[in-house]
PDB file of N, CA and C in Angstrom:
ATOM      1  N   UNK A   1      32.752  12.939 -13.732  1.00  0.00           N
ATOM      2  CA  UNK A   1      33.364  12.688 -14.247  1.00  0.00           C
ATOM      3  C   UNK A   1      33.860  13.531 -15.090  1.00  0.00           C
ATOM      4  N   UNK A   2      35.364  13.749 -15.252  1.00  0.00           N
ATOM      5  CA  UNK A   2      35.612  15.239 -15.798  1.00  0.00           C
ATOM      6  C   UNK A   2      36.219  14.483 -17.246  1.00  0.00           C
ATOM      7  N   UNK A   3      35.318  14.879 -18.419  1.00  0.00           N
ATOM      8  CA  UNK A   3      35.765  14.830 -19.577  1.00  0.00           C
ATOM      9  C   UNK A   3      37.177  15.295 -20.037  1.00  0.00           C
ATOM     10  N   UNK A   4      37.305  16.545 -19.726  1.00  0.00           N
ATOM     11  CA  UNK A   4      38.640  16.944 -20.221  1.00  0.00           C
ATOM     12  C   UNK A   4      39.977  16.844 -19.009  1.00  0.00           C
ATOM     13  N   UNK A   5      40.076  16.182 -18.460  1.00  0.00           N
ATOM     14  CA  UNK A   5      40.949  15.897 -17.151  1.00  0.00           C
ATOM     15  C   UNK A   5      41.368  16.855 -16.131  1.00  0.00           C
ATOM     16  N   UNK A   6      42.667  16.927 -15.880  1.00  0.00           N
ATOM     17  CA  UNK A   6      42.977  17.906 -15.034  1.00  0.00           C
ATOM     18  C   UNK A   6      42.875  19.322 -15.047  1.00  0.00           C
ATOM     19  N   UNK A   7      43.178  19.735 -16.660  1.00  0.00           N
ATOM     20  CA  UNK A   7      42.889  21.134 -16.856  1.00  0.00           C
ATOM     21  C   UNK A   7      41.597  21.439 -17.096  1.00  0.00           C
ATOM     22  N   UNK A   8      40.652  20.714 -17.303  1.00  0.00           N
ATOM     23  CA  UNK A   8      38.790  21.145 -17.149  1.00  0.00           C
ATOM     24  C   UNK A   8      38.818  21.699 -18.595  1.00  0.00           C
ATOM     25  N   UNK A   9      39.454  21.415 -19.566  1.00  0.00           N
ATOM     26  CA  UNK A   9      39.211  21.673 -21.009  1.00  0.00           C
ATOM     27  C   UNK A   9      40.160  21.238 -21.905  1.00  0.00           C
ATOM     28  N   UNK A  10      39.937  20.745 -23.166  1.00  0.00           N
ATOM     29  CA  UNK A  10      40.336  20.107 -24.310  1.00  0.00           C
ATOM     30  C   UNK A  10      41.698  20.434 -24.657  1.00  0.00           C
ATOM     31  N   UNK A  11      42.851  20.052 -24.562  1.00  0.00           N
ATOM     32  CA  UNK A  11      44.046  20.389 -25.284  1.00  0.00           C
ATOM     33  C   UNK A  11      44.019  21.027 -26.556  1.00  0.00           C
ATOM     34  N   UNK A  12      44.272  21.998 -26.694  1.00  0.00           N
ATOM     35  CA  UNK A  12      44.332  22.912 -27.911  1.00  0.00           C
ATOM     36  C   UNK A  12      45.320  22.738 -28.960  1.00  0.00           C
ATOM     37  N   UNK A  13      44.952  21.971 -29.960  1.00  0.00           N
ATOM     38  CA  UNK A  13      46.343  21.784 -30.848  1.00  0.00           C
ATOM     39  C   UNK A  13      46.154  22.634 -32.232  1.00  0.00           C
ATOM     40  N   UNK A  14      45.653  23.422 -32.446  1.00  0.00           N
ATOM     41  CA  UNK A  14      45.361  24.472 -33.455  1.00  0.00           C
ATOM     42  C   UNK A  14      45.427  25.571 -33.189  1.00  0.00           C
ATOM     43  N   UNK A  15      45.597  26.664 -34.252  1.00  0.00           N
ATOM     44  CA  UNK A  15      45.857  28.006 -34.208  1.00  0.00           C
ATOM     45  C   UNK A  15      44.441  28.656 -33.877  1.00  0.00           C
ATOM     46  N   UNK A  16      43.541  28.067 -34.562  1.00  0.00           N
ATOM     47  CA  UNK A  16      42.019  28.588 -34.628  1.00  0.00           C
ATOM     48  C   UNK A  16      42.278  29.710 -35.763  1.00  0.00           C
ATOM     49  N   UNK A  17      41.322  30.966 -35.276  1.00  0.00           N
ATOM     50  CA  UNK A  17      41.302  32.088 -36.404  1.00  0.00           C
ATOM     51  C   UNK A  17      42.607  32.640 -36.173  1.00  0.00           C
ATOM     52  N   UNK A  18      43.664  32.614 -35.179  1.00  0.00           N
ATOM     53  CA  UNK A  18      44.916  32.891 -35.411  1.00  0.00           C
ATOM     54  C   UNK A  18      45.698  32.154 -36.754  1.00  0.00           C
ATOM     55  N   UNK A  19      45.435  31.380 -37.178  1.00  0.00           N
ATOM     56  CA  UNK A  19      45.838  30.879 -38.650  1.00  0.00           C
ATOM     57  C   UNK A  19      46.183  32.113 -39.451  1.00  0.00           C
ATOM     58  N   UNK A  20      45.561  33.256 -39.553  1.00  0.00           N
ATOM     59  CA  UNK A  20      45.451  33.894 -40.802  1.00  0.00           C
ATOM     60  C   UNK A  20      46.582  35.110 -40.108  1.00  0.00           C
ATOM     61  N   UNK A  21      47.666  35.178 -40.995  1.00  0.00           N
ATOM     62  CA  UNK A  21      48.638  36.257 -40.865  1.00  0.00           C
ATOM     63  C   UNK A  21      48.193  37.631 -40.337  1.00  0.00           C
ATOM     64  N   UNK A  22      46.752  37.975 -41.016  1.00  0.00           N
ATOM     65  CA  UNK A  22      46.247  39.229 -41.100  1.00  0.00           C
ATOM     66  C   UNK A  22      46.244  39.327 -39.728  1.00  0.00           C
ATOM     67  N   UNK A  23      45.703  38.390 -38.733  1.00  0.00           N
ATOM     68  CA  UNK A  23      45.559  38.729 -37.433  1.00  0.00           C
ATOM     69  C   UNK A  23      46.394  38.864 -36.398  1.00  0.00           C
ATOM     70  N   UNK A  24      47.914  38.549 -36.776  1.00  0.00           N
ATOM     71  CA  UNK A  24      48.597  39.205 -36.465  1.00  0.00           C
ATOM     72  C   UNK A  24      49.176  40.408 -36.641  1.00  0.00           C
ATOM     73  N   UNK A  25      48.735  40.694 -37.649  1.00  0.00           N
ATOM     74  CA  UNK A  25      48.944  42.193 -38.154  1.00  0.00           C
ATOM     75  C   UNK A  25      48.063  42.995 -37.437  1.00  0.00           C
ATOM     76  N   UNK A  26      47.138  42.758 -37.226  1.00  0.00           N
ATOM     77  CA  UNK A  26      46.181  43.576 -36.614  1.00  0.00           C
ATOM     78  C   UNK A  26      46.682  43.618 -35.093  1.00  0.00           C
ATOM     79  N   UNK A  27      46.805  42.539 -34.808  1.00  0.00           N
ATOM     80  CA  UNK A  27      47.540  42.653 -32.906  1.00  0.00           C
ATOM     81  C   UNK A  27      48.632  43.438 -32.976  1.00  0.00           C
ATOM     82  N   UNK A  28      49.449  43.418 -33.491  1.00  0.00           N
ATOM     83  CA  UNK A  28      50.528  44.214 -33.443  1.00  0.00           C
ATOM     84  C   UNK A  28      50.461  45.586 -33.848  1.00  0.00           C
ATOM     85  N   UNK A  29      49.466  45.704 -34.949  1.00  0.00           N
ATOM     86  CA  UNK A  29      49.731  47.388 -35.163  1.00  0.00           C
ATOM     87  C   UNK A  29      48.735  48.203 -34.477  1.00  0.00           C
ATOM     88  N   UNK A  30      47.821  47.729 -33.694  1.00  0.00           N
ATOM     89  CA  UNK A  30      46.849  48.315 -32.596  1.00  0.00           C
ATOM     90  C   UNK A  30      47.730  48.439 -31.671  1.00  0.00           C
ATOM     91  N   UNK A  31      48.843  48.396 -31.055  1.00  0.00           N
ATOM     92  CA  UNK A  31      49.223  48.331 -29.983  1.00  0.00           C
ATOM     93  C   UNK A  31      50.149  49.900 -29.870  1.00  0.00           C
ATOM     94  N   UNK A  32      49.471  50.779 -28.827  1.00  0.00           N
ATOM     95  CA  UNK A  32      49.909  51.823 -28.879  1.00  0.00           C
ATOM     96  C   UNK A  32      51.348  52.196 -28.090  1.00  0.00           C
ATOM     97  N   UNK A  33      51.113  51.555 -26.591  1.00  0.00           N
ATOM     98  CA  UNK A  33      52.195  51.778 -25.664  1.00  0.00           C
ATOM     99  C   UNK A  33      52.873  50.363 -25.621  1.00  0.00           C
ATOM    100  N   UNK A  34      51.765  49.322 -24.747  1.00  0.00           N
ATOM    101  CA  UNK A  34      52.253  48.225 -24.546  1.00  0.00           C
ATOM    102  C   UNK A  34      51.512  47.172 -25.126  1.00  0.00           C
ATOM    103  N   UNK A  35      51.952  45.875 -25.613  1.00  0.00           N
ATOM    104  CA  UNK A  35      51.393  44.702 -26.106  1.00  0.00           C
ATOM    105  C   UNK A  35      51.631  43.554 -25.384  1.00  0.00           C
ATOM    106  N   UNK A  36      50.736  42.813 -25.169  1.00  0.00           N
ATOM    107  CA  UNK A  36      50.987  41.645 -23.991  1.00  0.00           C
ATOM    108  C   UNK A  36      50.345  40.393 -24.574  1.00  0.00           C
ATOM    109  N   UNK A  37      51.293  39.914 -25.021  1.00  0.00           N
ATOM    110  CA  UNK A  37      50.499  38.505 -25.655  1.00  0.00           C
ATOM    111  C   UNK A  37      50.533  37.233 -24.626  1.00  0.00           C
ATOM    112  N   UNK A  38      49.017  36.616 -24.427  1.00  0.00           N
ATOM    113  CA  UNK A  38      49.162  35.704 -23.551  1.00  0.00           C
ATOM    114  C   UNK A  38      48.708  34.282 -24.048  1.00  0.00           C
ATOM    115  N   UNK A  39      49.642  33.087 -23.980  1.00  0.00           N
ATOM    116  CA  UNK A  39      49.186  32.193 -24.521  1.00  0.00           C
ATOM    117  C   UNK A  39      50.317  30.967 -24.429  1.00  0.00           C
ATOM    118  N   UNK A  40      49.917  29.868 -25.250  1.00  0.00           N
ATOM    119  CA  UNK A  40      51.012  28.902 -25.074  1.00  0.00           C
ATOM    120  C   UNK A  40      52.097  28.833 -26.407  1.00  0.00           C
ATOM    121  N   UNK A  41      53.506  29.577 -26.085  1.00  0.00           N
ATOM    122  CA  UNK A  41      54.248  29.691 -26.840  1.00  0.00           C
ATOM    123  C   UNK A  41      54.570  28.471 -27.857  1.00  0.00           C
ATOM    124  N   UNK A  42      54.633  27.293 -27.247  1.00  0.00           N
ATOM    125  CA  UNK A  42      54.837  25.884 -28.112  1.00  0.00           C
ATOM    126  C   UNK A  42      53.801  25.899 -29.292  1.00  0.00           C
ATOM    127  N   UNK A  43      52.607  26.404 -28.980  1.00  0.00           N
ATOM    128  CA  UNK A  43      51.630  26.106 -30.203  1.00  0.00           C
ATOM    129  C   UNK A  43      51.635  27.378 -30.743  1.00  0.00           C
ATOM    130  N   UNK A  44      51.902  28.666 -30.354  1.00  0.00           N
ATOM    131  CA  UNK A  44      51.981  29.744 -31.074  1.00  0.00           C
ATOM    132  C   UNK A  44      53.259  29.608 -32.129  1.00  0.00           C
ATOM    133  N   UNK A  45      54.088  29.148 -31.762  1.00  0.00           N
ATOM    134  CA  UNK A  45      55.517  29.192 -32.381  1.00  0.00           C
ATOM    135  C   UNK A  45      55.124  28.361 -33.860  1.00  0.00           C
ATOM    136  N   UNK A  46      54.196  27.496 -33.645  1.00  0.00           N
ATOM    137  CA  UNK A  46      54.122  26.223 -35.128  1.00  0.00           C
ATOM    138  C   UNK A  46      54.221  26.775 -36.421  1.00  0.00           C
ATOM    139  N   UNK A  47      53.583  28.181 -36.672  1.00  0.00           N
ATOM    140  CA  UNK A  47      53.554  29.253 -37.804  1.00  0.00           C
ATOM    141  C   UNK A  47      54.697  29.734 -37.932  1.00  0.00           C
ATOM    142  N   UNK A  48      55.748  29.668 -38.990  1.00  0.00           N
ATOM    143  CA  UNK A  48      56.914  30.528 -39.039  1.00  0.00           C
ATOM    144  C   UNK A  48      56.706  32.025 -38.722  1.00  0.00           C
ATOM    145  N   UNK A  49      55.365  32.653 -38.985  1.00  0.00           N
ATOM    146  CA  UNK A  49      55.710  33.876 -39.165  1.00  0.00           C
ATOM    147  C   UNK A  49      55.587  34.228 -37.515  1.00  0.00           C
ATOM    148  N   UNK A  50      54.854  33.406 -36.776  1.00  0.00           N
ATOM    149  CA  UNK A  50      54.683  33.728 -35.192  1.00  0.00           C
ATOM    150  C   UNK A  50      56.121  33.411 -34.559  1.00  0.00           C
ATOM    151  N   UNK A  51      56.874  32.179 -35.106  1.00  0.00           N
ATOM    152  CA  UNK A  51      58.010  31.955 -34.400  1.00  0.00           C
ATOM    153  C   UNK A  51      58.833  33.215 -34.664  1.00  0.00           C
ATOM    154  N   UNK A  52      58.812  33.814 -35.587  1.00  0.00           N
ATOM    155  CA  UNK A  52      59.413  34.871 -35.964  1.00  0.00           C
ATOM    156  C   UNK A  52      58.977  36.192 -34.743  1.00  0.00           C
ATOM    157  N   UNK A  53      57.823  36.666 -34.616  1.00  0.00           N
ATOM    158  CA  UNK A  53      57.475  37.431 -33.648  1.00  0.00           C
ATOM    159  C   UNK A  53      57.898  36.961 -32.361  1.00  0.00           C
ATOM    160  N   UNK A  54      57.765  35.716 -31.971  1.00  0.00           N
ATOM    161  CA  UNK A  54      58.647  35.329 -30.507  1.00  0.00           C
ATOM    162  C   UNK A  54      59.877  35.624 -30.620  1.00  0.00           C
ATOM    163  N   UNK A  55      60.703  35.238 -31.717  1.00  0.00           N
ATOM    164  CA  UNK A  55      62.247  35.643 -31.623  1.00  0.00           C
ATOM    165  C   UNK A  55      62.509  36.804 -31.815  1.00  0.00           C
ATOM    166  N   UNK A  56      61.680  37.869 -32.377  1.00  0.00           N
ATOM    167  CA  UNK A  56      62.058  39.285 -32.291  1.00  0.00           C
ATOM    168  C   UNK A  56      61.570  39.551 -30.626  1.00  0.00           C
ATOM    169  N   UNK A  57      60.775  39.329 -30.074  1.00  0.00           N
ATOM    170  CA  UNK A  57      60.163  39.503 -28.847  1.00  0.00           C
ATOM    171  C   UNK A  57      61.484  38.966 -27.917  1.00  0.00           C
ATOM    172  N   UNK A  58      61.590  38.187 -27.992  1.00  0.00           N
ATOM    173  CA  UNK A  58      63.173  37.372 -27.052  1.00  0.00           C
ATOM    174  C   UNK A  58      64.040  38.116 -27.228  1.00  0.00           C
ATOM    175  N   UNK A  59      64.496  38.357 -28.467  1.00  0.00           N
ATOM    176  CA  UNK A  59      65.829  39.274 -28.985  1.00  0.00           C
ATOM    177  C   UNK A  59      65.749  40.870 -28.343  1.00  0.00           C
ATOM    178  N   UNK A  60      64.454  41.399 -28.332  1.00  0.00           N
ATOM    179  CA  UNK A  60      64.566  42.608 -27.918  1.00  0.00           C
ATOM    180  C   UNK A  60      64.987  43.098 -26.550  1.00  0.00           C
ATOM    181  N   UNK A  61      65.602  43.703 -26.268  1.00  0.00           N
ATOM    182  CA  UNK A  61      65.864  44.456 -24.748  1.00  0.00           C
ATOM    183  C   UNK A  61      64.451  44.944 -24.353  1.00  0.00           C
ATOM    184  N   UNK A  62      63.868  45.321 -24.760  1.00  0.00           N
ATOM    185  CA  UNK A  62      62.451  45.869 -24.136  1.00  0.00           C
ATOM    186  C   UNK A  62      61.380  44.740 -23.996  1.00  0.00           C
ATOM    187  N   UNK A  63      61.668  43.763 -25.041  1.00  0.00           N
ATOM    188  CA  UNK A  63      60.709  42.625 -24.877  1.00  0.00           C
ATOM    189  C   UNK A  63      61.053  41.495 -23.600  1.00  0.00           C
ATOM    190  N   UNK A  64      59.650  40.890 -23.298  1.00  0.00           N
ATOM    191  CA  UNK A  64      60.054  40.271 -22.320  1.00  0.00           C
ATOM    192  C   UNK A  64      59.038  38.574 -22.669  1.00  0.00           C
ATOM    193  N   UNK A  65      60.119  37.381 -22.396  1.00  0.00           N
ATOM    194  CA  UNK A  65      59.145  36.541 -22.534  1.00  0.00           C
ATOM    195  C   UNK A  65      59.221  35.622 -21.062  1.00  0.00           C
ATOM    196  N   UNK A  66      58.073  35.607 -20.457  1.00  0.00           N
ATOM    197  CA  UNK A  66      57.575  34.966 -19.067  1.00  0.00           C
ATOM    198  C   UNK A  66      57.124  33.546 -19.401  1.00  0.00           C
ATOM    199  N   UNK A  67      57.860  32.910 -18.911  1.00  0.00           N
ATOM    200  CA  UNK A  67      57.205  31.022 -18.405  1.00  0.00           C
ATOM    201  C   UNK A  67      56.709  30.865 -17.135  1.00  0.00           C
ATOM    202  N   UNK A  68      55.284  30.396 -17.464  1.00  0.00           N
ATOM    203  CA  UNK A  68      54.877  29.698 -16.451  1.00  0.00           C
ATOM    204  C   UNK A  68      55.332  28.664 -15.849  1.00  0.00           C
ATOM    205  N   UNK A  69      55.406  28.416 -14.577  1.00  0.00           N
ATOM    206  CA  UNK A  69      55.956  27.662 -14.227  1.00  0.00           C
ATOM    207  C   UNK A  69      55.198  26.887 -12.709  1.00  0.00           C
ATOM    208  N   UNK A  70      54.529  25.685 -13.232  1.00  0.00           N
ATOM    209  CA  UNK A  70      53.355  25.092 -12.263  1.00  0.00           C
ATOM    210  C   UNK A  70      54.441  24.859 -10.624  1.00  0.00           C
ATOM    211  N   UNK A  71      53.686  25.308  -9.704  1.00  0.00           N
ATOM    212  CA  UNK A  71      54.521  25.207  -8.389  1.00  0.00           C
ATOM    213  C   UNK A  71      53.943  24.053  -7.386  1.00  0.00           C
TER     214      UNK A  71
END
């Protein structure tokens, strides 16, 4: 019996330690050449500061938002 269904893990509905804007500051300020953020954009954008980052990346000509599409 699989406790967590098809995904194999419980659905996350909380940002956990990333709730703190300090975490975002550290992540963005440490990148020297390239920053890759991997995660669930719907979950990430729940907090206004993270939504602002998402929109900044999406509107920047050098930024890329790549969406996963299950085939």
